[in-house]
Amino acid sequence: MSPETARRAVVLFLPRMTRTFHVCFYGGEPLLNFDLIRETVPFIRSLSRAAGRRPRFSLTTNGSLCTEEILGFLEKHRFSVVLSYDGHAQDVQRMPGSSGALRRLIARFVESGRVRLEVNSVFTPETVTGLFGSLRELVDRGVPSVRYSLSIIKPWREADLRKLSRELRQLRKFAAAAYGKTGTIPVQNFREDIPCRVRYCPAGRDRMAVDPDGRIWGCALFADWARDHGGAGAFRRFGFGTIERFAKSADSVYARVFPNYGRFSVDQYRTPSGPCFLCPRLKSCWVCPVNVGLAGGGLDEIPPSVCEIQKIKAGETDHLIQDLESA
């Protein structure tokens, strides 16, 4: 993305922002274009100050390009950083030898305290046996918030699901013990999966994304999916057009496109065995529609193995609630 495109997006969206709003730099790897970030953040701050608004900044990165200059910038502007680090599988799934550098980076963030750090670790059927040990190590290293993600591009076999169940059982017991000591649950997944309401996709509701070409989407993930998998129809259904076009007729464009996002709530999903609204775990479940699409189905068609993963996760969350209530 060019600085000019970023500035046009800021000018378009700032009048529509709430008093406190969030700007996320997302990739790919956003630090490949650090010059853009370094130039855009002060621009946003300047316009926000004049408009009586307060921006907050976040960045999702694999950490490989973090220099002292970049770290100082992130600390100065109090960024929230989501660091992709796959724990015990880092050297297998990512660059061999990268785990040591990322551990040192994590230690720097934790010691500084000027960056709000969350570490996200991705696991596949082949690496899932490292899930509990990896997240426990991160918490022991002082990371305040950890998260696991499960790759669903490949189906999970029954044996893989059993391994996942064992790992999450250990993680749940660890999270309950940590809560007893600190009063907080360090695993973000457990905080989010507590049953409360039917979940919906927030794309286009409380967030918008601008891609490097200046096209507007309800979420950056839809931009990636449309480019690589969705075809021309995806651009028509989920794209709000260019910044210039959206600025001219925002209300009518939004009214036309948003309903295509609005259908992505878990009660409107389906599995091969039937509609999801019939499931007793409806309020404990959420799957990103883009991830479902990448798994080979439609954006609202849950593959059987993904449904089983959600049931395992919901079961452990139920047990965690019981553990905390009985403590």
Protein backbone atom coordinates (compact mmCIF):
# COMPACT_ATOMS: atom_id res chain seq x y z
CA MET A 1 0.00 0.00 0.00
CA SER A 2 1.23 3.49 -0.79
CA PRO A 3 1.25 6.31 1.79
CA GLU A 4 -1.20 8.22 -0.40
CA THR A 5 -3.70 5.34 -0.31
CA ALA A 6 -3.35 5.10 3.47
CA ARG A 7 -3.95 8.85 3.89
CA ARG A 8 -7.04 8.75 1.67
CA ALA A 9 -8.44 5.87 3.73
CA VAL A 10 -7.84 7.77 6.98
CA VAL A 11 -9.54 10.91 5.64
CA LEU A 12 -12.52 8.80 4.51
CA PHE A 13 -13.06 6.83 7.68
CA LEU A 14 -12.04 9.21 10.47
CA PRO A 15 -15.32 11.18 10.50
CA ARG A 16 -17.17 7.87 10.90
CA MET A 17 -15.04 6.65 13.83
CA THR A 18 -16.13 6.47 17.45
CA ARG A 19 -14.28 8.62 19.98
CA THR A 20 -11.78 5.80 20.59
CA PHE A 21 -11.03 3.65 17.58
CA HIS A 22 -8.59 0.95 16.53
CA VAL A 23 -6.23 0.88 13.54
CA CYS A 24 -4.69 -2.51 12.74
CA PHE A 25 -1.78 -3.02 10.35
CA TYR A 26 -2.17 -6.45 8.85
CA GLY A 27 -0.46 -8.51 6.14
CA GLY A 28 1.08 -10.75 4.96
CA GLU A 29 3.86 -9.21 6.97
CA PRO A 30 3.13 -5.51 7.56
CA LEU A 31 6.70 -4.75 8.65
CA LEU A 32 7.79 -5.28 5.06
CA ASN A 33 6.31 -1.80 4.61
CA PHE A 34 7.38 -0.22 7.88
CA ASP A 35 7.95 3.12 6.17
CA LEU A 36 4.21 3.28 5.53
CA ILE A 37 3.44 2.57 9.20
CA ARG A 38 6.00 5.11 10.41
CA GLU A 39 4.46 7.78 8.18
CA THR A 40 0.79 6.93 8.69
CA VAL A 41 0.67 6.72 12.49
CA PRO A 42 1.61 10.40 13.10
CA PHE A 43 -0.82 11.42 10.35
CA ILE A 44 -3.65 9.55 12.08
CA ARG A 45 -2.70 11.04 15.45
CA SER A 46 -2.67 14.56 14.05
CA LEU A 47 -6.09 14.33 12.39
CA SER A 48 -7.58 12.49 15.36
CA ARG A 49 -6.42 15.14 17.81
CA ALA A 50 -8.09 17.85 15.76
CA ALA A 51 -11.31 15.79 15.59
CA GLY A 52 -11.35 14.95 19.31
CA ARG A 53 -10.75 11.26 18.73
CA ARG A 54 -8.25 8.80 20.17
CA PRO A 55 -6.63 6.14 17.97
CA ARG A 56 -5.16 2.90 19.20
CA PHE A 57 -2.79 0.92 17.04
CA SER A 58 -2.14 -2.77 16.60
CA LEU A 59 0.09 -4.89 14.43
CA THR A 60 0.15 -8.57 13.51
CA THR A 61 3.65 -9.80 12.74
CA ASN A 62 5.87 -12.87 12.69
CA GLY A 63 8.60 -10.80 14.36
CA SER A 64 11.32 -11.64 11.86
CA LEU A 65 11.84 -8.01 10.82
CA CYS A 66 11.75 -6.36 14.25
CA THR A 67 14.77 -4.08 14.55
CA GLU A 68 15.61 -1.76 17.43
CA GLU A 69 14.17 1.13 15.43
CA ILE A 70 10.88 -0.71 14.91
CA LEU A 71 10.68 -1.84 18.52
CA GLY A 72 11.26 1.72 19.70
CA PHE A 73 8.49 2.97 17.41
CA LEU A 74 6.02 0.34 18.63
CA GLU A 75 6.84 1.17 22.25
CA LYS A 76 6.59 4.92 21.70
CA HIS A 77 3.10 4.62 20.20
CA ARG A 78 1.95 1.94 22.66
CA PHE A 79 1.03 -0.61 20.01
CA SER A 80 -0.81 -3.82 20.65
CA VAL A 81 1.25 -6.54 18.99
CA VAL A 82 -0.06 -9.95 17.98
CA LEU A 83 3.05 -12.04 17.50
CA SER A 84 2.81 -15.21 15.43
CA TYR A 85 4.96 -17.82 17.16
CA ASP A 86 4.24 -21.52 16.85
CA GLY A 87 5.97 -22.63 20.02
CA HIS A 88 7.58 -26.05 19.84
CA ALA A 89 6.62 -26.27 16.15
CA GLN A 90 8.19 -22.92 15.21
CA ASP A 91 11.31 -24.34 13.57
CA VAL A 92 9.20 -26.91 11.68
CA GLN A 93 6.33 -24.75 10.44
CA ARG A 94 8.27 -21.50 10.03
CA MET A 95 11.89 -20.69 9.35
CA PRO A 96 14.36 -23.22 10.85
CA GLY A 97 16.28 -21.62 13.69
CA SER A 98 13.78 -18.78 14.17
CA SER A 99 12.54 -19.91 17.60
CA GLY A 100 15.52 -18.53 19.50
CA ALA A 101 15.19 -15.06 18.00
CA LEU A 102 11.46 -14.97 18.76
CA ARG A 103 11.97 -16.04 22.37
CA ARG A 104 14.38 -13.13 22.79
CA LEU A 105 11.86 -10.79 21.16
CA ILE A 106 9.12 -12.01 23.49
CA ALA A 107 11.40 -11.41 26.47
CA ARG A 108 12.05 -7.86 25.23
CA PHE A 109 8.34 -7.11 24.92
CA VAL A 110 7.57 -8.59 28.34
CA GLU A 111 10.41 -6.71 30.03
CA SER A 112 9.52 -3.40 28.39
CA GLY A 113 5.83 -3.50 29.25
CA ARG A 114 5.19 -0.68 26.78
CA VAL A 115 3.65 -2.95 24.16
CA ARG A 116 0.43 -4.90 24.79
CA LEU A 117 1.53 -8.35 23.72
CA GLU A 118 -0.50 -11.34 22.60
CA VAL A 119 1.15 -14.42 21.11
CA ASN A 120 -0.79 -16.55 18.65
CA SER A 121 0.38 -20.10 17.96
CA VAL A 122 -0.95 -22.12 15.04
CA PHE A 123 -1.15 -25.91 15.20
CA THR A 124 -1.86 -28.53 12.56
CA PRO A 125 -2.79 -32.20 12.96
CA GLU A 126 0.95 -32.96 12.71
CA THR A 127 2.02 -30.49 15.45
CA VAL A 128 -0.97 -30.51 17.81
CA THR A 129 0.85 -32.57 20.46
CA GLY A 130 2.93 -29.47 21.20
CA LEU A 131 -0.06 -27.23 21.91
CA PHE A 132 -0.22 -27.39 25.70
CA GLY A 133 3.54 -27.32 26.24
CA SER A 134 3.98 -24.37 23.90
CA LEU A 135 1.30 -22.21 25.52
CA ARG A 136 2.40 -23.12 29.03
CA GLU A 137 5.94 -22.06 28.18
CA LEU A 138 4.71 -18.72 26.87
CA VAL A 139 2.69 -18.02 30.00
CA ASP A 140 5.66 -19.03 32.17
CA ARG A 141 7.75 -16.52 30.20
CA GLY A 142 5.38 -13.77 31.27
CA VAL A 143 3.26 -13.35 28.13
CA PRO A 144 0.00 -11.83 29.43
CA SER A 145 -2.25 -13.23 26.69
CA VAL A 146 -1.75 -16.34 24.59
CA ARG A 147 -3.95 -17.80 21.91
CA TYR A 148 -3.95 -21.00 19.90
CA SER A 149 -5.28 -21.34 16.37
CA LEU A 150 -5.95 -24.60 14.57
CA SER A 151 -5.27 -24.95 10.87
CA ILE A 152 -8.31 -26.55 9.25
CA ILE A 153 -7.03 -26.52 5.68
CA LYS A 154 -6.41 -30.26 6.03
CA PRO A 155 -9.06 -32.50 7.63
CA TRP A 156 -8.43 -33.67 11.19
CA ARG A 157 -8.66 -37.45 11.55
CA GLU A 158 -10.15 -39.15 14.59
CA ALA A 159 -6.68 -39.81 16.01
CA ASP A 160 -5.79 -36.12 15.58
CA LEU A 161 -8.96 -35.09 17.39
CA ARG A 162 -8.08 -37.35 20.32
CA LYS A 163 -4.67 -35.69 20.55
CA LEU A 164 -6.32 -32.27 20.46
CA SER A 165 -8.70 -33.29 23.23
CA ARG A 166 -5.80 -34.34 25.46
CA GLU A 167 -3.89 -31.13 24.80
CA LEU A 168 -6.89 -28.89 25.53
CA ARG A 169 -7.71 -30.83 28.68
CA GLN A 170 -4.22 -30.10 30.01
CA LEU A 171 -4.45 -26.48 28.87
CA ARG A 172 -7.80 -26.05 30.61
CA LYS A 173 -6.45 -27.35 33.92
CA PHE A 174 -3.44 -25.07 33.58
CA ALA A 175 -5.68 -22.06 32.83
CA ALA A 176 -7.83 -22.80 35.88
CA ALA A 177 -4.73 -23.00 38.10
CA ALA A 178 -3.41 -19.74 36.65
CA TYR A 179 -6.73 -18.05 37.35
CA GLY A 180 -6.55 -19.21 40.95
CA LYS A 181 -3.16 -17.50 41.33
CA THR A 182 -3.62 -14.32 39.30
CA GLY A 183 -7.37 -13.80 38.88
CA THR A 184 -7.04 -13.83 35.08
CA ILE A 185 -7.29 -16.51 32.40
CA PRO A 186 -4.12 -16.28 30.28
CA VAL A 187 -5.57 -18.23 27.32
CA GLN A 188 -7.63 -15.87 25.20
CA ASN A 189 -9.59 -18.72 23.58
CA PHE A 190 -11.17 -19.68 26.88
CA ARG A 191 -12.23 -16.10 27.55
CA GLU A 192 -13.93 -15.83 24.17
CA ASP A 193 -15.57 -19.26 24.12
CA ILE A 194 -17.63 -18.79 27.28
CA PRO A 195 -21.26 -19.30 26.17
CA CYS A 196 -23.08 -15.98 25.99
CA ARG A 197 -24.92 -15.41 22.72
CA VAL A 198 -25.09 -16.51 19.11
CA ARG A 199 -21.84 -15.34 17.48
CA TYR A 200 -21.69 -13.47 14.22
CA CYS A 201 -18.90 -12.37 11.91
CA PRO A 202 -17.93 -8.76 12.77
CA ALA A 203 -16.76 -8.04 9.21
CA GLY A 204 -18.39 -4.85 7.98
CA ARG A 205 -20.16 -4.30 11.31
CA ASP A 206 -17.54 -2.76 13.56
CA ARG A 207 -14.55 -2.90 11.21
CA MET A 208 -13.51 -2.24 7.65
CA ALA A 209 -10.30 -3.01 5.78
CA VAL A 210 -8.41 -1.35 2.95
CA ASP A 211 -6.20 -3.53 0.74
CA PRO A 212 -2.96 -2.37 -0.92
CA ASP A 213 -4.87 -1.41 -4.07
CA GLY A 214 -7.20 0.90 -2.17
CA ARG A 215 -10.24 -1.39 -2.27
CA ILE A 216 -12.48 -1.57 0.80
CA TRP A 217 -13.63 -4.79 2.44
CA GLY A 218 -15.48 -5.76 5.58
CA CYS A 219 -12.36 -7.56 6.85
CA ALA A 220 -8.80 -8.07 5.64
CA LEU A 221 -9.36 -11.84 5.58
CA PHE A 222 -12.07 -11.46 2.94
CA ALA A 223 -9.67 -9.46 0.79
CA ASP A 224 -7.13 -12.30 0.93
CA TRP A 225 -9.75 -14.96 0.28
CA ALA A 226 -11.32 -13.11 -2.65
CA ARG A 227 -7.96 -12.60 -4.32
CA ASP A 228 -6.75 -16.19 -3.97
CA HIS A 229 -9.93 -18.30 -3.91
CA GLY A 230 -13.13 -16.35 -4.42
CA GLY A 231 -12.98 -15.35 -8.07
CA ALA A 232 -14.59 -12.34 -9.67
CA GLY A 233 -17.90 -12.96 -7.93
CA ALA A 234 -16.28 -12.50 -4.53
CA PHE A 235 -15.15 -8.99 -5.45
CA ARG A 236 -18.73 -8.06 -6.35
CA ARG A 237 -20.29 -9.64 -3.27
CA PHE A 238 -17.82 -8.59 -0.58
CA GLY A 239 -15.95 -5.62 -1.99
CA PHE A 240 -17.20 -2.08 -1.25
CA GLY A 241 -15.22 -0.70 -4.18
CA THR A 242 -12.35 1.76 -4.20
CA ILE A 243 -11.88 4.51 -1.64
CA GLU A 244 -13.01 7.11 -4.18
CA ARG A 245 -16.15 5.20 -5.15
CA PHE A 246 -17.11 4.47 -1.56
CA ALA A 247 -16.58 8.11 -0.58
CA LYS A 248 -19.06 9.26 -3.27
CA SER A 249 -21.94 6.97 -2.28
CA ALA A 250 -21.03 5.25 0.98
CA ASP A 251 -24.59 4.71 2.22
CA SER A 252 -25.89 3.07 -0.95
CA VAL A 253 -22.77 0.94 -1.48
CA TYR A 254 -22.80 -0.23 2.12
CA ALA A 255 -26.53 -1.05 1.96
CA ARG A 256 -25.92 -3.17 -1.13
CA VAL A 257 -22.86 -5.10 0.04
CA PHE A 258 -23.23 -5.51 3.79
CA PRO A 259 -26.11 -8.05 3.63
CA ASN A 260 -23.61 -10.48 2.07
CA TYR A 261 -21.58 -10.25 5.28
CA GLY A 262 -24.61 -10.10 7.55
CA ARG A 263 -25.56 -13.72 6.86
CA PHE A 264 -22.41 -15.04 8.57
CA SER A 265 -23.72 -15.88 12.03
CA VAL A 266 -23.28 -19.32 13.52
CA ASP A 267 -27.03 -20.00 13.61
CA GLN A 268 -27.06 -19.72 9.81
CA TYR A 269 -24.24 -22.19 9.24
CA ARG A 270 -24.70 -25.79 8.20
CA THR A 271 -22.87 -29.07 8.64
CA PRO A 272 -23.39 -32.20 6.51
CA SER A 273 -25.67 -33.51 9.25
CA GLY A 274 -27.92 -30.47 9.39
CA PRO A 275 -28.30 -26.78 10.27
CA CYS A 276 -26.22 -25.41 13.15
CA PHE A 277 -29.13 -23.64 14.86
CA LEU A 278 -30.26 -27.06 16.10
CA CYS A 279 -26.97 -27.68 17.94
CA PRO A 280 -27.14 -27.47 21.77
CA ARG A 281 -23.66 -25.87 21.77
CA LEU A 282 -24.74 -23.04 19.48
CA LYS A 283 -23.73 -20.29 21.93
CA SER A 284 -20.30 -21.84 22.54
CA CYS A 285 -19.30 -21.97 18.89
CA TRP A 286 -17.71 -19.67 16.39
CA VAL A 287 -15.80 -20.39 13.18
CA CYS A 288 -14.49 -17.69 10.88
CA PRO A 289 -16.28 -18.02 7.49
CA VAL A 290 -13.04 -17.39 5.60
CA ASN A 291 -11.33 -20.25 7.42
CA VAL A 292 -14.29 -22.47 6.56
CA GLY A 293 -13.94 -21.44 2.92
CA LEU A 294 -10.25 -22.27 2.96
CA ALA A 295 -11.12 -25.70 4.36
CA GLY A 296 -12.82 -26.49 1.07
CA GLY A 297 -16.50 -25.85 1.69
CA GLY A 298 -18.72 -22.83 1.26
CA LEU A 299 -18.27 -19.88 3.58
CA ASP A 300 -21.09 -21.13 5.79
CA GLU A 301 -20.67 -24.91 5.38
CA ILE A 302 -18.81 -26.45 8.33
CA PRO A 303 -16.81 -29.61 7.48
CA PRO A 304 -17.37 -32.55 9.87
CA SER A 305 -13.88 -32.41 11.41
CA VAL A 306 -14.25 -28.68 12.11
CA CYS A 307 -17.56 -29.36 13.85
CA GLU A 308 -15.84 -31.98 16.02
CA ILE A 309 -13.06 -29.50 16.88
CA GLN A 310 -15.66 -26.97 18.00
CA LYS A 311 -17.37 -29.56 20.22
CA ILE A 312 -14.05 -30.45 21.87
CA LYS A 313 -13.28 -26.78 22.50
CA ALA A 314 -16.76 -26.10 23.88
CA GLY A 315 -16.54 -29.11 26.18
CA GLU A 316 -13.28 -27.91 27.70
CA THR A 317 -14.68 -24.42 28.16
CA ASP A 318 -17.67 -25.92 30.01
CA HIS A 319 -15.27 -27.84 32.26
CA LEU A 320 -13.26 -24.67 32.90
CA ILE A 321 -16.39 -22.83 34.02
CA GLN A 322 -17.17 -25.70 36.39
CA ASP A 323 -13.59 -25.66 37.71
CA LEU A 324 -13.77 -21.93 38.43
CA GLU A 325 -17.19 -22.16 40.06
CA SER A 326 -16.10 -24.96 42.37
CA ALA A 327 -12.74 -23.34 43.31
